C-alpha atoms as a PDB file:
ATOM      1  CA  MET A   1    -115.642   9.543  18.082  1.00  0.00           C
ATOM      2  CA  THR A   2    -112.846  12.069  18.279  1.00  0.00           C
ATOM      3  CA  ARG A   3    -114.224  14.061  15.355  1.00  0.00           C
ATOM      4  CA  LYS A   4    -117.710  14.074  16.928  1.00  0.00           C
ATOM      5  CA  ARG A   5    -116.346  15.328  20.303  1.00  0.00           C
ATOM      6  CA  THR A   6    -114.414  18.082  18.523  1.00  0.00           C
ATOM      7  CA  TYR A   7    -117.559  19.137  16.634  1.00  0.00           C
ATOM      8  CA  ASN A   8    -119.667  19.219  19.823  1.00  0.00           C
ATOM      9  CA  SER A   9    -116.935  21.176  21.650  1.00  0.00           C
ATOM     10  CA  LYS A  10    -116.745  23.799  18.924  1.00  0.00           C
ATOM     11  CA  ARG A  11    -120.546  24.032  18.891  1.00  0.00           C
ATOM     12  CA  LYS A  12    -120.628  24.636  22.680  1.00  0.00           C
ATOM     13  CA  ASN A  13    -117.876  27.278  22.430  1.00  0.00           C
ATOM     14  CA  TRP A  14    -119.783  28.984  19.624  1.00  0.00           C
ATOM     15  CA  LYS A  15    -122.948  29.158  21.716  1.00  0.00           C
ATOM     16  CA  LYS A  16    -120.963  30.382  24.721  1.00  0.00           C
ATOM     17  CA  ASN A  17    -119.297  33.132  22.670  1.00  0.00           C
ATOM     18  CA  LEU A  18    -122.684  34.130  21.224  1.00  0.00           C
ATOM     19  CA  VAL A  19    -124.178  34.456  24.693  1.00  0.00           C
ATOM     20  CA  TRP A  20    -121.235  36.588  25.902  1.00  0.00           C
ATOM     21  CA  SER A  21    -121.463  38.766  22.806  1.00  0.00           C
ATOM     22  CA  VAL A  22    -125.151  39.379  23.484  1.00  0.00           C
ATOM     23  CA  VAL A  23    -124.454  40.143  27.173  1.00  0.00           C
ATOM     24  CA  VAL A  24    -121.617  42.560  26.312  1.00  0.00           C
ATOM     25  CA  THR A  25    -123.810  44.265  23.700  1.00  0.00           C
ATOM     26  CA  ILE A  26    -126.627  44.707  26.210  1.00  0.00           C
ATOM     27  CA  ILE A  27    -124.277  46.025  28.910  1.00  0.00           C
ATOM     28  CA  THR A  28    -122.652  48.412  26.437  1.00  0.00           C
ATOM     29  CA  GLY A  29    -126.052  49.629  25.317  1.00  0.00           C
ATOM     30  CA  VAL A  30    -127.226  50.179  28.883  1.00  0.00           C
ATOM     31  CA  LEU A  31    -124.029  52.030  29.740  1.00  0.00           C
ATOM     32  CA  PHE A  32    -124.300  54.146  26.621  1.00  0.00           C
ATOM     33  CA  MET A  33    -127.897  55.080  27.434  1.00  0.00           C
ATOM     34  CA  ALA A  34    -126.935  55.839  31.052  1.00  0.00           C
ATOM     35  CA  VAL A  35    -124.050  58.039  29.934  1.00  0.00           C
ATOM     36  CA  GLN A  36    -126.256  59.739  27.352  1.00  0.00           C
ATOM     37  CA  ARG A  37    -128.966  60.354  29.951  1.00  0.00           C
ATOM     38  CA  LYS A  38    -126.320  61.715  32.300  1.00  0.00           C
ATOM     39  CA  MET A  39    -124.881  64.026  29.657  1.00  0.00           C
ATOM     40  CA  ASP A  40    -128.338  65.337  28.751  1.00  0.00           C
ATOM     41  CA  ALA A  41    -129.351  65.785  32.388  1.00  0.00           C
ATOM     42  CA  THR A  42    -129.758  69.284  33.791  1.00  0.00           C
ATOM     43  CA  VAL A  43    -127.849  70.213  36.946  1.00  0.00           C
ATOM     44  CA  THR A  44    -130.395  69.862  39.762  1.00  0.00           C
ATOM     45  CA  SER A  45    -128.538  72.067  42.248  1.00  0.00           C
ATOM     46  CA  VAL A  46    -125.119  73.567  42.995  1.00  0.00           C
ATOM     47  CA  SER A  47    -123.254  72.868  46.236  1.00  0.00           C
ATOM     48  CA  ILE A  48    -120.309  75.175  46.974  1.00  0.00           C
ATOM     49  CA  SER A  49    -117.973  74.375  49.862  1.00  0.00           C
ATOM     50  CA  ILE A  50    -115.247  76.869  50.834  1.00  0.00           C
ATOM     51  CA  THR A  51    -112.601  75.995  53.408  1.00  0.00           C
ATOM     52  CA  GLY A  52    -112.791  78.916  55.815  1.00  0.00           C
ATOM     53  CA  ILE A  53    -110.030  81.116  57.153  1.00  0.00           C
ATOM     54  CA  LYS A  54    -109.581  81.359  60.901  1.00  0.00           C
ATOM     55  CA  GLY A  55    -111.621  84.281  62.154  1.00  0.00           C
ATOM     56  CA  GLY A  56    -114.640  83.681  59.925  1.00  0.00           C
ATOM     57  CA  LYS A  57    -113.655  85.940  57.011  1.00  0.00           C
ATOM     58  CA  ASN A  58    -113.257  84.595  53.477  1.00  0.00           C
ATOM     59  CA  LEU A  59    -111.283  85.829  50.494  1.00  0.00           C
ATOM     60  CA  VAL A  60    -113.880  84.321  48.164  1.00  0.00           C
ATOM     61  CA  THR A  61    -117.631  83.905  48.652  1.00  0.00           C
ATOM     62  CA  LYS A  62    -120.233  81.511  47.278  1.00  0.00           C
ATOM     63  CA  LYS A  63    -121.958  84.431  45.596  1.00  0.00           C
ATOM     64  CA  GLY A  64    -118.673  85.478  43.976  1.00  0.00           C
ATOM     65  CA  ILE A  65    -118.001  81.934  42.718  1.00  0.00           C
ATOM     66  CA  LYS A  66    -121.455  81.704  41.141  1.00  0.00           C
ATOM     67  CA  GLN A  67    -120.915  85.070  39.453  1.00  0.00           C
ATOM     68  CA  MET A  68    -117.491  83.949  38.185  1.00  0.00           C
ATOM     69  CA  PHE A  69    -119.059  80.938  36.440  1.00  0.00           C
ATOM     70  CA  ARG A  70    -122.005  83.003  35.186  1.00  0.00           C
ATOM     71  CA  ASN A  71    -119.509  85.281  33.446  1.00  0.00           C
ATOM     72  CA  TYR A  72    -117.568  82.257  32.142  1.00  0.00           C
ATOM     73  CA  LEU A  73    -120.566  80.318  30.804  1.00  0.00           C
ATOM     74  CA  GLY A  74    -122.873  83.188  29.918  1.00  0.00           C
ATOM     75  CA  TYR A  75    -125.710  81.716  31.976  1.00  0.00           C
ATOM     76  CA  ASP A  76    -126.438  80.410  35.464  1.00  0.00           C
ATOM     77  CA  LEU A  77    -124.962  77.071  36.569  1.00  0.00           C
ATOM     78  CA  LYS A  78    -128.420  75.735  37.431  1.00  0.00           C
ATOM     79  CA  MET A  79    -129.414  76.106  33.785  1.00  0.00           C
ATOM     80  CA  SER A  80    -126.534  73.913  32.624  1.00  0.00           C
ATOM     81  CA  THR A  81    -126.677  70.392  31.291  1.00  0.00           C
ATOM     82  CA  VAL A  82    -123.877  68.054  32.250  1.00  0.00           C
ATOM     83  CA  LYS A  83    -122.530  67.961  28.688  1.00  0.00           C
ATOM     84  CA  ASP A  84    -122.232  71.763  28.709  1.00  0.00           C
ATOM     85  CA  LEU A  85    -119.745  71.692  31.579  1.00  0.00           C
ATOM     86  CA  ASN A  86    -116.032  71.078  31.142  1.00  0.00           C
ATOM     87  CA  LEU A  87    -115.115  70.322  34.738  1.00  0.00           C
ATOM     88  CA  MET A  88    -111.347  70.438  34.177  1.00  0.00           C
ATOM     89  CA  ASP A  89    -111.581  73.878  32.575  1.00  0.00           C
ATOM     90  CA  MET A  90    -113.768  75.036  35.448  1.00  0.00           C
ATOM     91  CA  GLU A  91    -111.207  73.840  38.010  1.00  0.00           C
ATOM     92  CA  THR A  92    -108.450  75.631  36.091  1.00  0.00           C
ATOM     93  CA  LEU A  93    -110.522  78.829  36.070  1.00  0.00           C
ATOM     94  CA  LEU A  94    -110.765  78.696  39.867  1.00  0.00           C
ATOM     95  CA  GLU A  95    -107.127  77.799  40.472  1.00  0.00           C
ATOM     96  CA  ASP A  96    -106.001  80.686  38.268  1.00  0.00           C
ATOM     97  CA  ASP A  97    -107.508  82.971  40.910  1.00  0.00           C
ATOM     98  CA  GLU A  98    -104.712  84.054  43.315  1.00  0.00           C
ATOM     99  CA  ARG A  99    -107.070  83.673  46.278  1.00  0.00           C
ATOM    100  CA  ILE A 100    -107.651  79.964  45.650  1.00  0.00           C
ATOM    101  CA  LYS A 101    -105.070  77.303  46.434  1.00  0.00           C
ATOM    102  CA  GLU A 102    -106.927  74.250  45.152  1.00  0.00           C
ATOM    103  CA  ALA A 103    -110.324  73.430  43.648  1.00  0.00           C
ATOM    104  CA  GLU A 104    -112.226  70.228  42.893  1.00  0.00           C
ATOM    105  CA  ILE A 105    -115.455  70.007  40.871  1.00  0.00           C
ATOM    106  CA  TYR A 106    -117.603  66.913  40.286  1.00  0.00           C
ATOM    107  CA  ILE A 107    -121.207  65.852  39.614  1.00  0.00           C
ATOM    108  CA  ASP A 108    -122.786  63.166  41.801  1.00  0.00           C
ATOM    109  CA  ASN A 109    -125.358  60.522  40.824  1.00  0.00           C
ATOM    110  CA  LYS A 110    -128.185  62.931  41.653  1.00  0.00           C
ATOM    111  CA  ASP A 111    -126.863  65.502  39.158  1.00  0.00           C
ATOM    112  CA  VAL A 112    -125.746  67.847  41.913  1.00  0.00           C
ATOM    113  CA  LEU A 113    -122.739  69.960  40.911  1.00  0.00           C
ATOM    114  CA  HIS A 114    -120.207  70.060  43.762  1.00  0.00           C
ATOM    115  CA  ILE A 115    -117.584  72.833  43.890  1.00  0.00           C
ATOM    116  CA  GLU A 116    -115.015  72.413  46.669  1.00  0.00           C
ATOM    117  CA  ILE A 117    -112.524  75.232  47.238  1.00  0.00           C
ATOM    118  CA  GLU A 118    -109.487  75.540  49.483  1.00  0.00           C
ATOM    119  CA  GLN A 119    -108.504  79.170  49.985  1.00  0.00           C
ATOM    120  CA  ARG A 120    -104.999  80.443  50.439  1.00  0.00           C
ATOM    121  CA  VAL A 121    -104.208  81.424  54.031  1.00  0.00           C
ATOM    122  CA  PRO A 122    -103.116  85.067  54.412  1.00  0.00           C
ATOM    123  CA  ILE A 123    -100.610  85.708  57.212  1.00  0.00           C
ATOM    124  CA  LEU A 124     -99.723  89.350  56.486  1.00  0.00           C
ATOM    125  CA  ARG A 125    -101.142  92.409  54.761  1.00  0.00           C
ATOM    126  CA  VAL A 126     -98.531  94.670  53.193  1.00  0.00           C
ATOM    127  CA  PHE A 127     -98.892  98.385  52.533  1.00  0.00           C
ATOM    128  CA  SER A 128     -95.927  99.267  50.337  1.00  0.00           C
ATOM    129  CA  LYS A 129     -94.086 102.563  50.121  1.00  0.00           C
ATOM    130  CA  ALA A 130     -95.639 102.914  46.634  1.00  0.00           C
ATOM    131  CA  ASN A 131     -99.116 102.926  48.237  1.00  0.00           C
ATOM    132  CA  THR A 132    -100.049  99.471  46.944  1.00  0.00           C
ATOM    133  CA  SER A 133    -101.636  96.852  49.165  1.00  0.00           C
ATOM    134  CA  TYR A 134    -101.613  93.053  49.050  1.00  0.00           C
ATOM    135  CA  TYR A 135    -101.593  89.974  51.264  1.00  0.00           C
ATOM    136  CA  LEU A 136     -98.907  87.313  51.595  1.00  0.00           C
ATOM    137  CA  ASP A 137     -99.992  83.727  52.232  1.00  0.00           C
ATOM    138  CA  ILE A 138     -98.197  81.099  54.288  1.00  0.00           C
ATOM    139  CA  ASP A 139     -96.095  80.087  51.239  1.00  0.00           C
ATOM    140  CA  GLY A 140     -95.096  83.651  50.321  1.00  0.00           C
ATOM    141  CA  ASN A 141     -97.550  83.983  47.424  1.00  0.00           C
ATOM    142  CA  GLU A 142     -99.222  87.301  46.699  1.00  0.00           C
ATOM    143  CA  ILE A 143    -102.961  87.592  47.241  1.00  0.00           C
ATOM    144  CA  PRO A 144    -104.544  90.778  45.865  1.00  0.00           C
ATOM    145  CA  ALA A 145    -106.391  92.852  48.453  1.00  0.00           C
ATOM    146  CA  TYR A 146    -109.933  92.856  47.117  1.00  0.00           C
ATOM    147  CA  ARG A 147    -112.379  95.483  48.304  1.00  0.00           C
ATOM    148  CA  GLY A 148    -114.731  94.178  50.971  1.00  0.00           C
ATOM    149  CA  ALA A 149    -112.575  91.172  51.915  1.00  0.00           C
ATOM    150  CA  THR A 150    -110.531  92.424  54.871  1.00  0.00           C
ATOM    151  CA  ILE A 151    -108.810  89.589  56.748  1.00  0.00           C
ATOM    152  CA  ARG A 152    -107.554  90.137  60.309  1.00  0.00           C
ATOM    153  CA  VAL A 153    -103.789  89.553  60.047  1.00  0.00           C
ATOM    154  CA  PRO A 154    -100.754  91.621  61.091  1.00  0.00           C
ATOM    155  CA  VAL A 155    -100.096  94.668  58.912  1.00  0.00           C
ATOM    156  CA  ALA A 156     -96.656  95.519  57.500  1.00  0.00           C
ATOM    157  CA  SER A 157     -95.800  99.032  56.349  1.00  0.00           C
ATOM    158  CA  GLY A 158     -92.880 101.394  55.841  1.00  0.00           C
ATOM    159  CA  ASN A 159     -89.865 100.751  53.624  1.00  0.00           C
ATOM    160  CA  ILE A 160     -91.330  97.777  51.716  1.00  0.00           C
ATOM    161  CA  GLY A 161     -91.548  97.571  47.944  1.00  0.00           C
ATOM    162  CA  ASP A 162     -94.174  96.072  45.649  1.00  0.00           C
ATOM    163  CA  TYR A 163     -94.498  92.306  45.478  1.00  0.00           C
ATOM    164  CA  ASP A 164     -91.618  90.500  43.790  1.00  0.00           C
ATOM    165  CA  PRO A 165     -92.205  86.792  42.956  1.00  0.00           C
ATOM    166  CA  LYS A 166     -88.494  86.163  43.609  1.00  0.00           C
ATOM    167  CA  PHE A 167     -88.352  87.900  46.984  1.00  0.00           C
ATOM    168  CA  LEU A 168     -87.525  84.642  48.810  1.00  0.00           C
ATOM    169  CA  ASN A 169     -84.251  84.394  46.870  1.00  0.00           C
ATOM    170  CA  LYS A 170     -81.657  84.955  49.588  1.00  0.00           C
ATOM    171  CA  LYS A 171     -79.002  86.224  47.178  1.00  0.00           C
ATOM    172  CA  LYS A 172     -80.234  89.780  47.538  1.00  0.00           C
ATOM    173  CA  LYS A 173     -81.469  91.822  50.481  1.00  0.00           C
ATOM    174  CA  SER A 174     -85.245  92.063  50.738  1.00  0.00           C
ATOM    175  CA  TYR A 175     -87.228  93.878  53.414  1.00  0.00           C
ATOM    176  CA  LEU A 176     -90.297  92.056  52.108  1.00  0.00           C
ATOM    177  CA  ARG A 177     -88.579  88.762  52.940  1.00  0.00           C
ATOM    178  CA  ASP A 178     -87.794  90.112  56.410  1.00  0.00           C
ATOM    179  CA  VAL A 179     -91.419  90.934  57.235  1.00  0.00           C
ATOM    180  CA  TYR A 180     -92.602  87.639  55.688  1.00  0.00           C
ATOM    181  CA  THR A 181     -90.141  85.735  57.901  1.00  0.00           C
ATOM    182  CA  LEU A 182     -91.463  87.545  60.965  1.00  0.00           C
ATOM    183  CA  ALA A 183     -95.101  87.104  59.954  1.00  0.00           C
ATOM    184  CA  LYS A 184     -94.707  83.373  59.336  1.00  0.00           C
ATOM    185  CA  TYR A 185     -93.044  82.856  62.728  1.00  0.00           C
ATOM    186  CA  ILE A 186     -95.766  84.928  64.415  1.00  0.00           C
ATOM    187  CA  HIS A 187     -98.544  83.060  62.591  1.00  0.00           C
ATOM    188  CA  GLU A 188     -97.214  79.690  63.754  1.00  0.00           C
ATOM    189  CA  ASP A 189     -96.954  80.781  67.405  1.00  0.00           C
ATOM    190  CA  GLU A 190    -100.320  81.078  69.162  1.00  0.00           C
ATOM    191  CA  PHE A 191     -99.057  83.555  71.772  1.00  0.00           C
ATOM    192  CA  LEU A 192     -97.355  85.866  69.266  1.00  0.00           C
ATOM    193  CA  ALA A 193    -100.302  85.673  66.847  1.00  0.00           C
ATOM    194  CA  ALA A 194    -102.516  87.054  69.599  1.00  0.00           C
ATOM    195  CA  LEU A 195     -99.951  89.735  70.476  1.00  0.00           C
ATOM    196  CA  ILE A 196     -98.485  91.374  67.354  1.00  0.00           C
ATOM    197  CA  GLU A 197    -100.640  93.716  65.283  1.00  0.00           C
ATOM    198  CA  GLN A 198     -98.266  95.750  63.110  1.00  0.00           C
ATOM    199  CA  ILE A 199     -94.741  95.532  61.677  1.00  0.00           C
ATOM    200  CA  ASP A 200     -93.133  98.754  60.470  1.00  0.00           C
ATOM    201  CA  VAL A 201     -89.875  98.768  58.478  1.00  0.00           C
ATOM    202  CA  ARG A 202     -87.684 101.858  58.829  1.00  0.00           C
ATOM    203  CA  GLU A 203     -85.394 103.234  56.122  1.00  0.00           C
ATOM    204  CA  ASP A 204     -82.384 101.338  57.492  1.00  0.00           C
ATOM    205  CA  GLY A 205     -84.308  98.054  57.490  1.00  0.00           C
ATOM    206  CA  GLU A 206     -84.749  97.869  61.253  1.00  0.00           C
ATOM    207  CA  VAL A 207     -88.187  96.812  62.438  1.00  0.00           C
ATOM    208  CA  MET A 208     -90.588  98.327  64.950  1.00  0.00           C
ATOM    209  CA  MET A 209     -93.568  96.203  66.027  1.00  0.00           C
ATOM    210  CA  VAL A 210     -96.811  97.305  67.627  1.00  0.00           C
ATOM    211  CA  PRO A 211     -98.623  94.902  69.998  1.00  0.00           C
ATOM    212  CA  LYS A 212    -102.406  94.554  70.127  1.00  0.00           C
ATOM    213  CA  VAL A 213    -102.370  95.152  73.876  1.00  0.00           C
ATOM    214  CA  GLY A 214    -100.640  97.889  75.815  1.00  0.00           C
ATOM    215  CA  ARG A 215     -99.159 101.110  74.464  1.00  0.00           C
ATOM    216  CA  GLN A 216     -95.518 100.039  74.187  1.00  0.00           C
ATOM    217  CA  LYS A 217     -93.842  99.700  70.819  1.00  0.00           C
ATOM    218  CA  LEU A 218     -91.251  96.978  70.356  1.00  0.00           C
ATOM    219  CA  ASP A 219     -87.974  98.016  68.708  1.00  0.00           C
ATOM    220  CA  PHE A 220     -86.903  94.705  67.167  1.00  0.00           C
ATOM    221  CA  GLY A 221     -83.946  95.941  65.114  1.00  0.00           C
ATOM    222  CA  HIS A 222     -82.755  93.908  62.129  1.00  0.00           C
ATOM    223  CA  VAL A 223     -84.498  90.611  61.398  1.00  0.00           C
ATOM    224  CA  GLU A 224     -82.090  87.967  62.686  1.00  0.00           C
ATOM    225  CA  ASN A 225     -81.978  85.422  65.512  1.00  0.00           C
ATOM    226  CA  ILE A 226     -85.728  85.839  65.768  1.00  0.00           C
ATOM    227  CA  GLU A 227     -86.430  82.643  67.716  1.00  0.00           C
ATOM    228  CA  GLU A 228     -84.133  83.624  70.595  1.00  0.00           C
ATOM    229  CA  ARG A 229     -85.489  87.166  70.743  1.00  0.00           C
ATOM    230  CA  PHE A 230     -89.144  86.207  70.566  1.00  0.00           C
ATOM    231  CA  GLU A 231     -88.635  83.732  73.413  1.00  0.00           C
ATOM    232  CA  LYS A 232     -87.216  86.542  75.545  1.00  0.00           C
ATOM    233  CA  LEU A 233     -90.184  88.697  74.583  1.00  0.00           C
ATOM    234  CA  LYS A 234     -92.661  85.995  75.616  1.00  0.00           C
ATOM    235  CA  VAL A 235     -90.936  85.637  78.978  1.00  0.00           C
ATOM    236  CA  LEU A 236     -91.287  89.392  79.469  1.00  0.00           C
ATOM    237  CA  TYR A 237     -94.977  89.495  78.616  1.00  0.00           C
ATOM    238  CA  ARG A 238     -95.778  86.423  80.673  1.00  0.00           C
ATOM    239  CA  GLY A 239     -94.288  87.781  83.864  1.00  0.00           C
ATOM    240  CA  GLY A 240     -91.543  90.357  83.617  1.00  0.00           C
ATOM    241  CA  MET A 241     -93.806  93.297  82.884  1.00  0.00           C
ATOM    242  CA  GLU A 242     -95.609  92.777  86.167  1.00  0.00           C
ATOM    243  CA  GLN A 243     -92.417  93.774  87.956  1.00  0.00           C
ATOM    244  CA  VAL A 244     -91.467  96.661  85.684  1.00  0.00           C
ATOM    245  CA  GLY A 245     -94.957  98.077  85.132  1.00  0.00           C
ATOM    246  CA  TRP A 246     -96.894  98.333  81.880  1.00  0.00           C
ATOM    247  CA  ARG A 247     -97.070 102.105  81.798  1.00  0.00           C
ATOM    248  CA  LYS A 248     -93.475 102.930  82.606  1.00  0.00           C
ATOM    249  CA  TYR A 249     -92.039 102.800  79.050  1.00  0.00           C
ATOM    250  CA  ASP A 250     -93.114 103.860  75.564  1.00  0.00           C
ATOM    251  CA  VAL A 251     -90.619 101.629  73.702  1.00  0.00           C
ATOM    252  CA  LEU A 252     -89.094  98.253  74.524  1.00  0.00           C
ATOM    253  CA  THR A 253     -85.894  97.501  72.614  1.00  0.00           C
ATOM    254  CA  LEU A 254     -85.029  93.902  71.794  1.00  0.00           C
ATOM    255  CA  LYS A 255     -81.687  93.829  70.023  1.00  0.00           C
ATOM    256  CA  TYR A 256     -78.024  92.982  70.541  1.00  0.00           C
ATOM    257  CA  ASP A 257     -76.713  94.763  73.623  1.00  0.00           C
ATOM    258  CA  SER A 258     -72.967  95.314  73.241  1.00  0.00           C
ATOM    259  CA  ARG A 259     -72.785  96.692  76.776  1.00  0.00           C
ATOM    260  CA  SER A 260     -73.475  93.221  78.132  1.00  0.00           C
ATOM    261  CA  GLU A 261     -70.116  91.999  76.791  1.00  0.00           C
ATOM    262  CA  LYS A 262     -68.399  93.461  79.847  1.00  0.00           C
ATOM    263  CA  ASP A 263     -70.400  91.074  82.004  1.00  0.00           C
ATOM    264  CA  GLY A 264     -69.667  88.115  79.757  1.00  0.00           C
ATOM    265  CA  LYS A 265     -73.332  87.895  78.736  1.00  0.00           C
ATOM    266  CA  LYS A 266     -73.190  88.397  74.991  1.00  0.00           C
ATOM    267  CA  GLY A 267     -76.454  88.166  73.122  1.00  0.00           C
ATOM    268  CA  TYR A 268     -79.834  89.721  72.629  1.00  0.00           C
ATOM    269  CA  HIS A 269     -81.393  91.385  75.611  1.00  0.00           C
ATOM    270  CA  LEU A 270     -84.508  93.357  76.291  1.00  0.00           C
ATOM    271  CA  ILE A 271     -83.675  96.967  77.025  1.00  0.00           C
ATOM    272  CA  TYR A 272     -86.310  99.217  78.552  1.00  0.00           C
ATOM    273  CA  GLY A 273     -86.150 102.673  77.032  1.00  0.00           C
ATOM    274  CA  GLU A 274     -87.933 105.918  76.322  1.00  0.00           C
ATOM    275  CA  LYS A 275     -89.740 106.378  79.614  1.00  0.00           C
ATOM    276  CA  ARG A 276     -93.047 108.145  79.626  1.00  0.00           C
ATOM    277  CA  ASP A 277     -93.180 111.630  81.106  1.00  0.00           C
END
């Protein structure tokens, strides 16, 4: 009896294993055919999504992205089969572009090629003393200034050199770091972002800023204690100028006032200067 049960048990297990083998073979075959069909499929359409920059302008365009891949592949994306496309290489191609922070490419179950792009966010355009021009993004990366892609951000000019990838290293003096520090603070403050239009660096490193409204220039001096000084500036623009009068002065100076030491009020103060004639 024991030998007969053992024989029947082995026979049942054999049948069970045979059934599972057939099922696995069928599933594998179906998957293989599905993958093969997918690989041989032609891209039905291309969907390009670009995260916009505040203000409506873009550093890259859908037309430019399509042209980039046309140059890379040698033909239009819509003429591609899935097996022709190396999606990882395509993502790398996009992310090697200084204007693009991150890219993701995938094909959905309807054979639509999706290209999703996150642009870098410019916060400053620099015109160097060597007559070169470039943008800085929020992280201090250089973005080339491409023709036809003007982004509305504050402009920095004057005694500023060409882009140096190590300019954020605080071991050496950098006027580029100074204007980046100002631009980042301005970008993150809604009031200042609407106010400041230009930052000019003089030979001695002191900074003059030009507002978008009014005719007064702001003599900011050296870039230090910027939070305290900008707060004083905001107080002035929000109410103080109503008492003094917008047209009374050409230049407003916001720097350390040593004369205030006599009154025991050391610190940065707004000094009205250079009256109009």
